[in-house]
Amino acid sequence: MITEIKQTEAQERYRKAADKYQETIDKIYIAWDRAGFSGDPIHDLYVTAWEMAVYSRSPEMRGSNPPRPRR
């Protein structure tokens, strides 16, 4: 009987910890989604590098006159 009570208490603690863990994971995925990350690190790294390259060429980011496109 005492063993059953201890086992029940342990299962309840485990469930609470698992729920808290899942809640934290859900918050991380929501934050990633809001930030525009896909969850795939290689894809996110590629997109971030591409955005950095694009923004580094924009006149607002560089603060100088960009080269004009050739006609």
PDB file of N, CA and C in Angstrom:
ATOM      1  N   MET A   1       0.816  -1.189   0.000  1.00  0.00           N
ATOM      2  CA  MET A   1       0.000   0.000   0.000  1.00  0.00           C
ATOM      3  C   MET A   1       0.865   1.261   0.000  1.00  0.00           C
ATOM      4  N   ILE A   2       1.874   1.288   0.870  1.00  0.00           N
ATOM      5  CA  ILE A   2       2.767   2.454   0.911  1.00  0.00           C
ATOM      6  C   ILE A   2       3.537   2.568  -0.403  1.00  0.00           C
ATOM      7  N   THR A   3       3.947   1.444  -0.940  1.00  0.00           N
ATOM      8  CA  THR A   3       4.664   1.428  -2.216  1.00  0.00           C
ATOM      9  C   THR A   3       3.785   1.986  -3.327  1.00  0.00           C
ATOM     10  N   GLU A   4       2.503   1.638  -3.302  1.00  0.00           N
ATOM     11  CA  GLU A   4       1.585   2.145  -4.320  1.00  0.00           C
ATOM     12  C   GLU A   4       1.420   3.654  -4.206  1.00  0.00           C
ATOM     13  N   ILE A   5       1.358   4.175  -2.999  1.00  0.00           N
ATOM     14  CA  ILE A   5       1.225   5.618  -2.796  1.00  0.00           C
ATOM     15  C   ILE A   5       2.475   6.329  -3.301  1.00  0.00           C
ATOM     16  N   LYS A   6       3.657   5.801  -2.948  1.00  0.00           N
ATOM     17  CA  LYS A   6       4.908   6.406  -3.419  1.00  0.00           C
ATOM     18  C   LYS A   6       4.996   6.358  -4.942  1.00  0.00           C
ATOM     19  N   GLN A   7       4.569   5.246  -5.523  1.00  0.00           N
ATOM     20  CA  GLN A   7       4.602   5.115  -6.979  1.00  0.00           C
ATOM     21  C   GLN A   7       3.643   6.117  -7.626  1.00  0.00           C
ATOM     22  N   THR A   8       2.463   6.293  -7.051  1.00  0.00           N
ATOM     23  CA  THR A   8       1.484   7.248  -7.561  1.00  0.00           C
ATOM     24  C   THR A   8       2.029   8.673  -7.466  1.00  0.00           C
ATOM     25  N   GLU A   9       2.657   9.005  -6.339  1.00  0.00           N
ATOM     26  CA  GLU A   9       3.251  10.328  -6.166  1.00  0.00           C
ATOM     27  C   GLU A   9       4.368  10.564  -7.187  1.00  0.00           C
ATOM     28  N   ALA A  10       5.176   9.555  -7.397  1.00  0.00           N
ATOM     29  CA  ALA A  10       6.270   9.674  -8.365  1.00  0.00           C
ATOM     30  C   ALA A  10       5.722   9.862  -9.774  1.00  0.00           C
ATOM     31  N   GLN A  11       4.664   9.137 -10.111  1.00  0.00           N
ATOM     32  CA  GLN A  11       4.065   9.295 -11.440  1.00  0.00           C
ATOM     33  C   GLN A  11       3.485  10.687 -11.616  1.00  0.00           C
ATOM     34  N   GLU A  12       2.878  11.214 -10.569  1.00  0.00           N
ATOM     35  CA  GLU A  12       2.299  12.561 -10.636  1.00  0.00           C
ATOM     36  C   GLU A  12       3.399  13.614 -10.805  1.00  0.00           C
ATOM     37  N   ARG A  13       4.493  13.465 -10.056  1.00  0.00           N
ATOM     38  CA  ARG A  13       5.622  14.391 -10.215  1.00  0.00           C
ATOM     39  C   ARG A  13       6.189  14.306 -11.626  1.00  0.00           C
ATOM     40  N   TYR A  14       6.299  13.090 -12.149  1.00  0.00           N
ATOM     41  CA  TYR A  14       6.804  12.886 -13.507  1.00  0.00           C
ATOM     42  C   TYR A  14       5.887  13.569 -14.520  1.00  0.00           C
ATOM     43  N   ARG A  15       4.576  13.407 -14.356  1.00  0.00           N
ATOM     44  CA  ARG A  15       3.622  14.039 -15.275  1.00  0.00           C
ATOM     45  C   ARG A  15       3.732  15.557 -15.234  1.00  0.00           C
ATOM     46  N   LYS A  16       3.858  16.116 -14.042  1.00  0.00           N
ATOM     47  CA  LYS A  16       3.994  17.573 -13.903  1.00  0.00           C
ATOM     48  C   LYS A  16       5.269  18.061 -14.575  1.00  0.00           C
ATOM     49  N   ALA A  17       6.368  17.337 -14.370  1.00  0.00           N
ATOM     50  CA  ALA A  17       7.639  17.717 -14.991  1.00  0.00           C
ATOM     51  C   ALA A  17       7.550  17.603 -16.511  1.00  0.00           C
ATOM     52  N   ALA A  18       6.911  16.550 -17.002  1.00  0.00           N
ATOM     53  CA  ALA A  18       6.765  16.377 -18.452  1.00  0.00           C
ATOM     54  C   ALA A  18       5.889  17.480 -19.042  1.00  0.00           C
ATOM     55  N   ASP A  19       4.829  17.864 -18.334  1.00  0.00           N
ATOM     56  CA  ASP A  19       3.970  18.955 -18.814  1.00  0.00           C
ATOM     57  C   ASP A  19       4.732  20.272 -18.859  1.00  0.00           C
ATOM     58  N   LYS A  20       5.529  20.534 -17.824  1.00  0.00           N
ATOM     59  CA  LYS A  20       6.314  21.773 -17.794  1.00  0.00           C
ATOM     60  C   LYS A  20       7.349  21.774 -18.929  1.00  0.00           C
ATOM     61  N   TYR A  21       7.991  20.639 -19.141  1.00  0.00           N
ATOM     62  CA  TYR A  21       8.963  20.515 -20.227  1.00  0.00           C
ATOM     63  C   TYR A  21       8.284  20.771 -21.571  1.00  0.00           C
ATOM     64  N   GLN A  22       7.130  20.151 -21.800  1.00  0.00           N
ATOM     65  CA  GLN A  22       6.420  20.326 -23.065  1.00  0.00           C
ATOM     66  C   GLN A  22       5.977  21.777 -23.244  1.00  0.00           C
ATOM     67  N   GLU A  23       5.577  22.412 -22.170  1.00  0.00           N
ATOM     68  CA  GLU A  23       5.180  23.824 -22.229  1.00  0.00           C
ATOM     69  C   GLU A  23       6.367  24.697 -22.648  1.00  0.00           C
ATOM     70  N   THR A  24       7.538  24.398 -22.101  1.00  0.00           N
ATOM     71  CA  THR A  24       8.748  25.147 -22.460  1.00  0.00           C
ATOM     72  C   THR A  24       9.111  24.929 -23.926  1.00  0.00           C
ATOM     73  N   ILE A  25       9.037  23.691 -24.382  1.00  0.00           N
ATOM     74  CA  ILE A  25       9.329  23.389 -25.788  1.00  0.00           C
ATOM     75  C   ILE A  25       8.348  24.118 -26.696  1.00  0.00           C
ATOM     76  N   ASP A  26       7.077  24.136 -26.329  1.00  0.00           N
ATOM     77  CA  ASP A  26       6.067  24.847 -27.124  1.00  0.00           C
ATOM     78  C   ASP A  26       6.385  26.336 -27.206  1.00  0.00           C
ATOM     79  N   LYS A  27       6.822  26.931 -26.101  1.00  0.00           N
ATOM     80  CA  LYS A  27       7.180  28.355 -26.104  1.00  0.00           C
ATOM     81  C   LYS A  27       8.354  28.614 -27.028  1.00  0.00           C
ATOM     82  N   ILE A  28       9.325  27.710 -27.038  1.00  0.00           N
ATOM     83  CA  ILE A  28      10.489  27.870 -27.914  1.00  0.00           C
ATOM     84  C   ILE A  28      10.055  27.821 -29.375  1.00  0.00           C
ATOM     85  N   TYR A  29       9.208  26.845 -29.728  1.00  0.00           N
ATOM     86  CA  TYR A  29       8.752  26.743 -31.110  1.00  0.00           C
ATOM     87  C   TYR A  29       7.912  27.951 -31.518  1.00  0.00           C
ATOM     88  N   ILE A  30       7.108  28.481 -30.606  1.00  0.00           N
ATOM     89  CA  ILE A  30       6.321  29.678 -30.907  1.00  0.00           C
ATOM     90  C   ILE A  30       7.258  30.858 -31.151  1.00  0.00           C
ATOM     91  N   ALA A  31       8.286  30.988 -30.318  1.00  0.00           N
ATOM     92  CA  ALA A  31       9.249  32.085 -30.503  1.00  0.00           C
ATOM     93  C   ALA A  31       9.998  31.930 -31.825  1.00  0.00           C
ATOM     94  N   TRP A  32      10.403  30.703 -32.166  1.00  0.00           N
ATOM     95  CA  TRP A  32      11.072  30.467 -33.453  1.00  0.00           C
ATOM     96  C   TRP A  32      10.164  30.853 -34.607  1.00  0.00           C
ATOM     97  N   ASP A  33       8.901  30.466 -34.495  1.00  0.00           N
ATOM     98  CA  ASP A  33       7.941  30.756 -35.559  1.00  0.00           C
ATOM     99  C   ASP A  33       7.761  32.259 -35.720  1.00  0.00           C
ATOM    100  N   ARG A  34       7.636  32.968 -34.616  1.00  0.00           N
ATOM    101  CA  ARG A  34       7.475  34.427 -34.675  1.00  0.00           C
ATOM    102  C   ARG A  34       8.716  35.103 -35.242  1.00  0.00           C
ATOM    103  N   ALA A  35       9.878  34.538 -34.965  1.00  0.00           N
ATOM    104  CA  ALA A  35      11.125  35.106 -35.465  1.00  0.00           C
ATOM    105  C   ALA A  35      11.374  34.732 -36.919  1.00  0.00           C
ATOM    106  N   GLY A  36      10.580  33.828 -37.464  1.00  0.00           N
ATOM    107  CA  GLY A  36      10.730  33.445 -38.857  1.00  0.00           C
ATOM    108  C   GLY A  36      11.636  32.256 -39.086  1.00  0.00           C
ATOM    109  N   PHE A  37      12.030  31.581 -38.015  1.00  0.00           N
ATOM    110  CA  PHE A  37      12.877  30.411 -38.181  1.00  0.00           C
ATOM    111  C   PHE A  37      12.026  29.182 -38.471  1.00  0.00           C
ATOM    112  N   SER A  38      12.548  28.293 -39.268  1.00  0.00           N
ATOM    113  CA  SER A  38      11.781  27.113 -39.655  1.00  0.00           C
ATOM    114  C   SER A  38      11.980  25.942 -38.698  1.00  0.00           C
ATOM    115  N   GLY A  39      13.043  25.972 -37.930  1.00  0.00           N
ATOM    116  CA  GLY A  39      13.353  24.836 -37.071  1.00  0.00           C
ATOM    117  C   GLY A  39      14.423  23.940 -37.682  1.00  0.00           C
ATOM    118  N   ASP A  40      14.701  24.150 -38.974  1.00  0.00           N
ATOM    119  CA  ASP A  40      15.764  23.407 -39.651  1.00  0.00           C
ATOM    120  C   ASP A  40      17.016  24.280 -39.609  1.00  0.00           C
ATOM    121  N   PRO A  41      18.038  23.907 -38.833  1.00  0.00           N
ATOM    122  CA  PRO A  41      19.191  24.794 -38.649  1.00  0.00           C
ATOM    123  C   PRO A  41      19.936  25.122 -39.937  1.00  0.00           C
ATOM    124  N   ILE A  42      20.061  24.182 -40.846  1.00  0.00           N
ATOM    125  CA  ILE A  42      20.785  24.455 -42.090  1.00  0.00           C
ATOM    126  C   ILE A  42      20.021  25.477 -42.932  1.00  0.00           C
ATOM    127  N   HIS A  43      18.719  25.279 -43.050  1.00  0.00           N
ATOM    128  CA  HIS A  43      17.893  26.225 -43.801  1.00  0.00           C
ATOM    129  C   HIS A  43      17.942  27.609 -43.155  1.00  0.00           C
ATOM    130  N   ASP A  44      17.816  27.666 -41.823  1.00  0.00           N
ATOM    131  CA  ASP A  44      17.836  28.949 -41.130  1.00  0.00           C
ATOM    132  C   ASP A  44      19.177  29.649 -41.294  1.00  0.00           C
ATOM    133  N   LEU A  45      20.268  28.901 -41.252  1.00  0.00           N
ATOM    134  CA  LEU A  45      21.592  29.479 -41.444  1.00  0.00           C
ATOM    135  C   LEU A  45      21.729  30.045 -42.856  1.00  0.00           C
ATOM    136  N   TYR A  46      21.258  29.300 -43.849  1.00  0.00           N
ATOM    137  CA  TYR A  46      21.304  29.758 -45.234  1.00  0.00           C
ATOM    138  C   TYR A  46      20.490  31.039 -45.409  1.00  0.00           C
ATOM    139  N   VAL A  47      19.271  31.061 -44.869  1.00  0.00           N
ATOM    140  CA  VAL A  47      18.405  32.236 -45.008  1.00  0.00           C
ATOM    141  C   VAL A  47      19.027  33.437 -44.294  1.00  0.00           C
ATOM    142  N   THR A  48      19.574  33.220 -43.100  1.00  0.00           N
ATOM    143  CA  THR A  48      20.199  34.312 -42.358  1.00  0.00           C
ATOM    144  C   THR A  48      21.398  34.869 -43.127  1.00  0.00           C
ATOM    145  N   ALA A  49      22.220  34.006 -43.687  1.00  0.00           N
ATOM    146  CA  ALA A  49      23.370  34.460 -44.468  1.00  0.00           C
ATOM    147  C   ALA A  49      22.910  35.225 -45.704  1.00  0.00           C
ATOM    148  N   TRP A  50      21.860  34.748 -46.354  1.00  0.00           N
ATOM    149  CA  TRP A  50      21.330  35.420 -47.540  1.00  0.00           C
ATOM    150  C   TRP A  50      20.800  36.805 -47.165  1.00  0.00           C
ATOM    151  N   GLU A  51      20.053  36.892 -46.057  1.00  0.00           N
ATOM    152  CA  GLU A  51      19.521  38.174 -45.624  1.00  0.00           C
ATOM    153  C   GLU A  51      20.643  39.139 -45.268  1.00  0.00           C
ATOM    154  N   MET A  52      21.679  38.649 -44.620  1.00  0.00           N
ATOM    155  CA  MET A  52      22.808  39.513 -44.275  1.00  0.00           C
ATOM    156  C   MET A  52      23.475  40.050 -45.542  1.00  0.00           C
ATOM    157  N   ALA A  53      23.619  39.194 -46.534  1.00  0.00           N
ATOM    158  CA  ALA A  53      24.236  39.625 -47.784  1.00  0.00           C
ATOM    159  C   ALA A  53      23.366  40.665 -48.483  1.00  0.00           C
ATOM    160  N   VAL A  54      22.076  40.457 -48.493  1.00  0.00           N
ATOM    161  CA  VAL A  54      21.171  41.406 -49.146  1.00  0.00           C
ATOM    162  C   VAL A  54      21.163  42.732 -48.399  1.00  0.00           C
ATOM    163  N   TYR A  55      21.018  42.678 -47.086  1.00  0.00           N
ATOM    164  CA  TYR A  55      20.931  43.915 -46.319  1.00  0.00           C
ATOM    165  C   TYR A  55      22.248  44.668 -46.288  1.00  0.00           C
ATOM    166  N   SER A  56      23.361  43.966 -46.384  1.00  0.00           N
ATOM    167  CA  SER A  56      24.645  44.665 -46.378  1.00  0.00           C
ATOM    168  C   SER A  56      24.831  45.457 -47.672  1.00  0.00           C
ATOM    169  N   ARG A  57      24.097  45.096 -48.716  1.00  0.00           N
ATOM    170  CA  ARG A  57      24.178  45.817 -49.979  1.00  0.00           C
ATOM    171  C   ARG A  57      23.148  46.938 -50.084  1.00  0.00           C
ATOM    172  N   SER A  58      22.199  46.983 -49.155  1.00  0.00           N
ATOM    173  CA  SER A  58      21.160  48.009 -49.256  1.00  0.00           C
ATOM    174  C   SER A  58      21.716  49.359 -48.822  1.00  0.00           C
ATOM    175  N   PRO A  59      21.321  50.448 -49.482  1.00  0.00           N
ATOM    176  CA  PRO A  59      21.876  51.765 -49.149  1.00  0.00           C
ATOM    177  C   PRO A  59      21.552  52.200 -47.723  1.00  0.00           C
ATOM    178  N   GLU A  60      20.412  51.779 -47.198  1.00  0.00           N
ATOM    179  CA  GLU A  60      20.061  52.168 -45.834  1.00  0.00           C
ATOM    180  C   GLU A  60      21.031  51.565 -44.821  1.00  0.00           C
ATOM    181  N   MET A  61      21.482  50.340 -45.109  1.00  0.00           N
ATOM    182  CA  MET A  61      22.368  49.664 -44.173  1.00  0.00           C
ATOM    183  C   MET A  61      23.817  50.102 -44.356  1.00  0.00           C
ATOM    184  N   ARG A  62      24.217  50.417 -45.567  1.00  0.00           N
ATOM    185  CA  ARG A  62      25.616  50.764 -45.804  1.00  0.00           C
ATOM    186  C   ARG A  62      25.902  52.220 -45.488  1.00  0.00           C
ATOM    187  N   GLY A  63      24.937  53.104 -45.742  1.00  0.00           N
ATOM    188  CA  GLY A  63      25.163  54.522 -45.495  1.00  0.00           C
ATOM    189  C   GLY A  63      25.959  55.187 -46.603  1.00  0.00           C
ATOM    190  N   SER A  64      26.122  54.543 -47.761  1.00  0.00           N
ATOM    191  CA  SER A  64      26.832  55.153 -48.878  1.00  0.00           C
ATOM    192  C   SER A  64      26.040  54.911 -50.151  1.00  0.00           C
ATOM    193  N   ASN A  65      26.475  55.512 -51.213  1.00  0.00           N
ATOM    194  CA  ASN A  65      25.770  55.352 -52.484  1.00  0.00           C
ATOM    195  C   ASN A  65      26.074  53.980 -53.073  1.00  0.00           C
ATOM    196  N   PRO A  66      25.034  53.217 -53.366  1.00  0.00           N
ATOM    197  CA  PRO A  66      25.271  51.907 -53.966  1.00  0.00           C
ATOM    198  C   PRO A  66      25.612  52.043 -55.443  1.00  0.00           C
ATOM    199  N   PRO A  67      26.311  51.075 -56.010  1.00  0.00           N
ATOM    200  CA  PRO A  67      26.564  51.133 -57.439  1.00  0.00           C
ATOM    201  C   PRO A  67      25.251  51.038 -58.216  1.00  0.00           C
ATOM    202  N   ARG A  68      25.161  51.830 -59.264  1.00  0.00           N
ATOM    203  CA  ARG A  68      23.938  51.834 -60.072  1.00  0.00           C
ATOM    204  C   ARG A  68      23.917  50.617 -60.988  1.00  0.00           C
ATOM    205  N   PRO A  69      22.734  50.049 -61.221  1.00  0.00           N
ATOM    206  CA  PRO A  69      22.669  48.923 -62.152  1.00  0.00           C
ATOM    207  C   PRO A  69      23.044  49.370 -63.563  1.00  0.00           C
ATOM    208  N   ARG A  70      23.723  48.497 -64.291  1.00  0.00           N
ATOM    209  CA  ARG A  70      24.103  48.828 -65.668  1.00  0.00           C
ATOM    210  C   ARG A  70      22.913  48.664 -66.580  1.00  0.00           C
ATOM    211  N   ARG A  71      22.828  49.527 -67.568  1.00  0.00           N
ATOM    212  CA  ARG A  71      21.711  49.461 -68.519  1.00  0.00           C
ATOM    213  C   ARG A  71      22.127  48.818 -69.794  1.00  0.00           C
TER     214      ARG A  71
END
